[in-house]
Amino acid sequence: MKTARDFELDCRRLRQHLIEVLPAKLGASMLEETRTNFRNESYGNDDVRERWPERRYEDKLTYPKLRYTGRLFRSIQPKVHRISSRAAVVSLGSPLSYAQVHNEGWRPGMPITGSTLRQPPSATKRVWLPRRPKQRQYMGIGRRSVRKFMQVIRKEVNAAMRK
């Protein structure tokens, strides 16, 4: 039979497990959701899939939207910031300057991305392309995200309690 001391040790072990393991698992869940949004070329964290806007030369481009080089897709990584021994903040981000512009859409004051003079597909001369990309949201927290977080938390608590 367990004593009060055993129960106290179990609680400490559970707390330590949740502090060390849970933030990384939540970050991985956020990253998986973002990659799903890239694969589907839409944002659907609020249970309604919003397709990304079409590109100017959609019929001539063979690569997926926002995946010309794959640099943006690969740069998105989860980050865990420890606030104290009991708390942490989990975020998802990219060091690229144009990541925010693509996710939120261009607004005055945001950096202007890329070159304005570019060779469009199958064009014979260079043309001016718009410097203000349309919003193609790929990151964010919605109802689906919260449900996934709760599943991960329940799973981790149950796994820690079984140990």
Protein backbone atom coordinates (compact mmCIF):
# COMPACT_ATOMS: atom_id res chain seq x y z
CA MET A 1 0.00 0.00 0.00
CA LYS A 2 1.25 3.46 -0.88
CA THR A 3 2.01 5.91 1.85
CA ALA A 4 1.61 9.69 1.82
CA ARG A 5 5.32 9.96 1.05
CA ASP A 6 4.91 7.73 -2.03
CA PHE A 7 2.00 9.87 -3.20
CA GLU A 8 4.09 13.03 -2.76
CA LEU A 9 6.95 11.49 -4.77
CA ASP A 10 4.51 10.47 -7.53
CA CYS A 11 3.17 14.04 -7.71
CA ARG A 12 6.69 15.45 -7.94
CA ARG A 13 7.59 12.96 -10.67
CA LEU A 14 4.41 13.83 -12.58
CA ARG A 15 5.13 17.56 -12.33
CA GLN A 16 8.72 17.09 -13.46
CA HIS A 17 7.64 14.92 -16.38
CA LEU A 18 5.08 17.49 -17.50
CA ILE A 19 7.57 20.36 -17.21
CA GLU A 20 10.24 18.55 -19.24
CA VAL A 21 8.25 16.54 -21.81
CA LEU A 22 4.94 18.30 -22.37
CA PRO A 23 6.21 21.58 -23.95
CA ALA A 24 8.22 19.67 -26.56
CA LYS A 25 5.20 17.48 -27.40
CA LEU A 26 2.95 20.54 -27.76
CA GLY A 27 5.53 22.17 -30.04
CA ALA A 28 5.66 19.02 -32.18
CA SER A 29 1.85 19.04 -32.40
CA MET A 30 1.88 22.68 -33.55
CA LEU A 31 4.54 21.93 -36.15
CA GLU A 32 2.59 18.93 -37.47
CA GLU A 33 -0.52 21.09 -37.85
CA THR A 34 1.43 23.77 -39.74
CA ARG A 35 2.92 21.19 -42.09
CA THR A 36 -0.57 19.83 -42.73
CA ASN A 37 -1.67 23.36 -43.68
CA PHE A 38 1.24 23.56 -46.15
CA ARG A 39 0.35 20.18 -47.68
CA ASN A 40 -3.34 21.14 -48.06
CA GLU A 41 -2.50 24.68 -49.21
CA SER A 42 -5.12 25.98 -46.80
CA TYR A 43 -5.64 27.06 -43.21
CA GLY A 44 -8.14 25.05 -41.23
CA ASN A 45 -7.49 25.43 -37.52
CA ASP A 46 -11.01 26.77 -36.92
CA ASP A 47 -12.70 23.68 -38.45
CA VAL A 48 -13.32 25.51 -41.75
CA ARG A 49 -10.70 25.06 -44.47
CA GLU A 50 -9.80 28.38 -46.08
CA ARG A 51 -7.96 27.74 -49.34
CA TRP A 52 -4.99 29.99 -50.04
CA PRO A 53 -5.51 32.57 -52.82
CA GLU A 54 -4.44 31.58 -56.30
CA ARG A 55 -1.17 32.85 -57.75
CA ARG A 56 -0.97 35.03 -60.85
CA TYR A 57 0.39 32.25 -63.07
CA GLU A 58 -1.22 29.25 -61.38
CA ASP A 59 -1.57 27.20 -64.56
CA LYS A 60 2.14 27.58 -65.43
CA LEU A 61 3.63 26.95 -61.98
CA THR A 62 4.32 23.34 -61.08
CA TYR A 63 5.45 23.73 -57.47
CA PRO A 64 3.07 24.05 -54.48
CA LYS A 65 2.18 27.48 -53.10
CA LEU A 66 4.79 28.98 -50.72
CA ARG A 67 7.16 26.10 -51.58
CA TYR A 68 9.28 27.52 -54.44
CA THR A 69 12.55 26.73 -52.63
CA GLY A 70 11.08 25.11 -49.51
CA ARG A 71 13.04 27.51 -47.32
CA LEU A 72 9.97 28.92 -45.53
CA PHE A 73 8.55 25.43 -44.90
CA ARG A 74 11.84 24.15 -43.46
CA SER A 75 12.50 27.25 -41.35
CA ILE A 76 9.40 26.91 -39.16
CA GLN A 77 10.43 25.37 -35.85
CA PRO A 78 8.91 25.09 -32.37
CA LYS A 79 10.58 27.03 -29.56
CA VAL A 80 10.23 26.40 -25.84
CA HIS A 81 10.93 29.38 -23.58
CA ARG A 82 11.27 28.53 -19.90
CA ILE A 83 9.74 31.26 -17.75
CA SER A 84 10.41 29.57 -14.43
CA SER A 85 10.86 26.11 -13.00
CA ARG A 86 7.08 25.66 -13.22
CA ALA A 87 6.14 27.38 -16.47
CA ALA A 88 7.12 27.49 -20.12
CA VAL A 89 5.87 29.18 -23.27
CA VAL A 90 5.72 27.13 -26.46
CA SER A 91 5.75 29.02 -29.75
CA LEU A 92 6.23 28.34 -33.42
CA GLY A 93 8.27 30.68 -35.55
CA SER A 94 10.59 31.33 -38.43
CA PRO A 95 13.66 33.58 -38.57
CA LEU A 96 12.86 34.59 -42.16
CA SER A 97 11.77 38.19 -42.69
CA TYR A 98 8.99 37.26 -45.11
CA ALA A 99 7.37 34.57 -42.95
CA GLN A 100 5.12 37.05 -41.12
CA VAL A 101 4.17 38.80 -44.37
CA HIS A 102 2.96 35.54 -45.93
CA ASN A 103 1.16 34.39 -42.77
CA GLU A 104 -0.63 37.67 -41.99
CA GLY A 105 -0.69 39.41 -45.38
CA TRP A 106 1.13 42.65 -46.15
CA ARG A 107 0.26 45.76 -44.11
CA PRO A 108 1.89 49.21 -44.16
CA GLY A 109 5.05 49.16 -42.08
CA MET A 110 5.91 45.53 -42.85
CA PRO A 111 9.09 44.69 -44.73
CA ILE A 112 8.80 44.51 -48.49
CA THR A 113 9.79 41.04 -49.63
CA GLY A 114 11.75 39.80 -52.57
CA SER A 115 12.64 41.45 -55.82
CA THR A 116 10.08 43.51 -57.67
CA LEU A 117 11.60 42.70 -61.02
CA ARG A 118 11.24 39.02 -61.85
CA GLN A 119 10.92 36.83 -64.88
CA PRO A 120 7.41 35.34 -64.79
CA PRO A 121 6.88 31.88 -66.27
CA SER A 122 6.98 31.80 -70.08
CA ALA A 123 7.32 35.59 -70.42
CA THR A 124 9.61 37.10 -73.03
CA LYS A 125 10.48 40.21 -71.05
CA ARG A 126 10.80 41.15 -67.40
CA VAL A 127 7.71 42.62 -65.77
CA TRP A 128 7.01 44.33 -62.47
CA LEU A 129 5.39 41.96 -60.03
CA PRO A 130 3.42 43.06 -56.96
CA ARG A 131 5.53 43.44 -53.84
CA ARG A 132 2.65 42.94 -51.47
CA PRO A 133 1.83 39.24 -51.19
CA LYS A 134 -1.68 38.11 -50.34
CA GLN A 135 -2.28 36.46 -47.00
CA ARG A 136 -1.75 32.72 -47.01
CA GLN A 137 -2.08 31.83 -43.36
CA TYR A 138 -0.29 28.66 -42.32
CA MET A 139 0.23 29.20 -38.56
CA GLY A 140 -2.22 30.04 -35.82
CA ILE A 141 -4.15 28.65 -32.90
CA GLY A 142 -7.80 27.79 -33.40
CA ARG A 143 -10.39 25.39 -32.02
CA ARG A 144 -8.75 22.39 -33.68
CA SER A 145 -5.39 23.34 -32.15
CA VAL A 146 -6.89 23.56 -28.66
CA ARG A 147 -8.51 20.12 -29.07
CA LYS A 148 -5.17 18.64 -30.17
CA PHE A 149 -3.39 20.28 -27.23
CA MET A 150 -5.91 18.79 -24.81
CA GLN A 151 -5.40 15.33 -26.36
CA VAL A 152 -1.63 15.64 -25.99
CA ILE A 153 -1.95 16.84 -22.39
CA ARG A 154 -4.33 13.99 -21.46
CA LYS A 155 -2.07 11.44 -23.12
CA GLU A 156 1.04 12.72 -21.33
CA VAL A 157 -0.68 12.91 -17.93
CA ASN A 158 -1.99 9.35 -18.34
CA ALA A 159 1.44 8.11 -19.43
CA ALA A 160 3.11 9.80 -16.47
CA MET A 161 0.53 8.41 -14.03
CA ARG A 162 1.14 4.85 -15.27
CA LYS A 163 4.86 5.03 -14.54
